[in-house]
């Protein structure tokens, strides 16, 4: 199994190969686009939930089957997209995502139940 950083490397290389990055885009524009795209993926997950389609085949299921790939449900596809976009952005900005997640997870363990009473 790949580490998160190895997966981030592969995701980022594919994003470059598929034209999602360019040498001329400045980092501010790149981060803005990445945030917008991540927001879109979260919104697509929310829409699937609102429409009662979380466990239905995603809109790419037929194409996945044609390609010999087991099809995803909507929740699987959107959760994967959220992580893929996050890993791509981490690599673009030279974030050691494995280390960042491990340290943030360790910090979260020190926090109070529901972070002191937050509702959500």
Protein backbone atom coordinates (compact mmCIF):
# COMPACT_ATOMS: atom_id res chain seq x y z
CA UNK A 1 0.00 0.00 0.00
CA UNK A 2 1.22 3.47 -0.85
CA UNK A 3 1.77 6.12 1.79
CA UNK A 4 -0.35 9.25 1.57
CA UNK A 5 2.65 11.15 0.23
CA UNK A 6 3.23 8.53 -2.49
CA UNK A 7 -0.45 8.72 -3.42
CA UNK A 8 -0.24 12.53 -3.44
CA UNK A 9 2.73 12.30 -5.80
CA UNK A 10 0.79 10.01 -8.18
CA UNK A 11 -2.36 12.16 -8.03
CA UNK A 12 -0.37 15.35 -8.67
CA UNK A 13 1.55 13.80 -11.58
CA UNK A 14 -1.73 12.70 -13.17
CA UNK A 15 -3.26 16.15 -12.66
CA UNK A 16 -0.28 17.67 -14.50
CA UNK A 17 -0.54 15.06 -17.28
CA UNK A 18 -4.27 15.78 -17.70
CA UNK A 19 -3.72 19.55 -17.97
CA UNK A 20 -4.94 20.69 -14.55
CA UNK A 21 -1.74 22.62 -13.79
CA UNK A 22 0.48 24.96 -15.78
CA UNK A 23 3.85 26.62 -15.32
CA UNK A 24 2.26 30.04 -15.86
CA UNK A 25 -0.47 29.91 -13.19
CA UNK A 26 0.61 31.80 -10.08
CA UNK A 27 0.24 30.16 -6.69
CA UNK A 28 -2.57 32.47 -5.54
CA UNK A 29 -4.68 31.61 -8.58
CA UNK A 30 -3.80 27.94 -8.15
CA UNK A 31 -4.93 27.91 -4.52
CA UNK A 32 -8.12 29.79 -5.35
CA UNK A 33 -8.95 27.28 -8.08
CA UNK A 34 -8.12 24.36 -5.79
CA UNK A 35 -10.39 25.73 -3.04
CA UNK A 36 -13.21 26.28 -5.53
CA UNK A 37 -12.84 22.77 -6.92
CA UNK A 38 -12.76 21.25 -3.44
CA UNK A 39 -15.88 23.21 -2.52
CA UNK A 40 -17.57 21.87 -5.67
CA UNK A 41 -16.80 18.28 -4.66
CA UNK A 42 -18.20 18.81 -1.16
CA UNK A 43 -21.30 20.39 -2.71
CA UNK A 44 -21.72 17.39 -5.04
CA UNK A 45 -21.59 15.09 -2.02
CA UNK A 46 -24.21 17.22 -0.28
CA UNK A 47 -26.45 17.18 -3.36
CA UNK A 48 -26.23 13.39 -3.57
CA UNK A 49 -27.33 13.24 0.07
CA UNK A 50 -30.15 15.75 -0.49
CA UNK A 51 -31.40 13.73 -3.46
CA UNK A 52 -31.21 10.41 -1.59
CA UNK A 53 -28.58 9.09 -4.01
CA UNK A 54 -25.58 8.44 -1.77
CA UNK A 55 -25.65 4.70 -2.37
CA UNK A 56 -26.76 4.85 -6.00
CA UNK A 57 -24.25 4.32 -8.82
CA UNK A 58 -22.41 7.53 -9.67
CA UNK A 59 -22.94 9.25 -13.01
CA UNK A 60 -19.71 7.72 -14.34
CA UNK A 61 -20.61 4.12 -13.38
CA UNK A 62 -21.28 2.91 -16.94
CA UNK A 63 -17.99 4.39 -18.22
CA UNK A 64 -16.16 2.80 -15.31
CA UNK A 65 -17.59 -0.61 -16.18
CA UNK A 66 -16.57 -0.11 -19.84
CA UNK A 67 -13.03 0.64 -18.64
CA UNK A 68 -12.96 -2.52 -16.51
CA UNK A 69 -13.18 -0.59 -13.24
CA UNK A 70 -15.69 -1.52 -10.55
CA UNK A 71 -18.24 1.31 -10.46
CA UNK A 72 -18.53 3.66 -7.52
CA UNK A 73 -21.57 4.88 -5.65
CA UNK A 74 -22.12 8.63 -5.38
CA UNK A 75 -20.73 8.77 -1.85
CA UNK A 76 -17.65 6.78 -2.86
CA UNK A 77 -16.99 8.95 -5.90
CA UNK A 78 -17.40 12.27 -4.13
CA UNK A 79 -15.38 11.23 -1.07
CA UNK A 80 -12.63 10.04 -3.42
CA UNK A 81 -12.76 13.32 -5.36
CA UNK A 82 -12.46 15.33 -2.13
CA UNK A 83 -9.38 13.36 -1.11
CA UNK A 84 -7.84 13.39 -4.61
CA UNK A 85 -8.21 17.16 -4.87
CA UNK A 86 -6.80 17.59 -1.36
CA UNK A 87 -3.79 15.39 -2.13
CA UNK A 88 -3.14 17.22 -5.41
CA UNK A 89 -3.25 20.57 -3.63
CA UNK A 90 -1.00 19.30 -0.83
CA UNK A 91 1.62 18.25 -3.35
CA UNK A 92 1.29 21.47 -5.37
CA UNK A 93 2.06 23.44 -2.21
CA UNK A 94 4.76 21.02 -1.02
CA UNK A 95 2.83 19.92 2.06
CA UNK A 96 3.95 16.67 3.68
CA UNK A 97 0.34 15.54 3.99
CA UNK A 98 1.15 12.32 5.85
CA UNK A 99 2.98 14.24 8.58
CA UNK A 100 0.36 17.00 8.69
CA UNK A 101 -2.48 14.51 9.16
CA UNK A 102 -0.59 12.55 11.81
CA UNK A 103 0.20 15.71 13.80
CA UNK A 104 -3.32 17.12 13.46
CA UNK A 105 -4.81 13.77 14.49
CA UNK A 106 -2.52 13.74 17.55
CA UNK A 107 -3.60 17.27 18.45
CA UNK A 108 -7.29 16.38 18.04
CA UNK A 109 -6.78 13.61 20.60
CA UNK A 110 -5.93 16.31 23.17
CA UNK A 111 -9.12 18.27 22.60
CA UNK A 112 -12.16 18.18 24.84
CA UNK A 113 -15.25 16.16 23.94
CA UNK A 114 -16.89 17.89 20.95
CA UNK A 115 -14.12 20.46 21.29
CA UNK A 116 -15.70 21.91 24.42
CA UNK A 117 -19.37 21.66 23.44
CA UNK A 118 -19.55 22.71 19.79
CA UNK A 119 -22.78 21.69 18.11
CA UNK A 120 -21.31 20.74 14.78
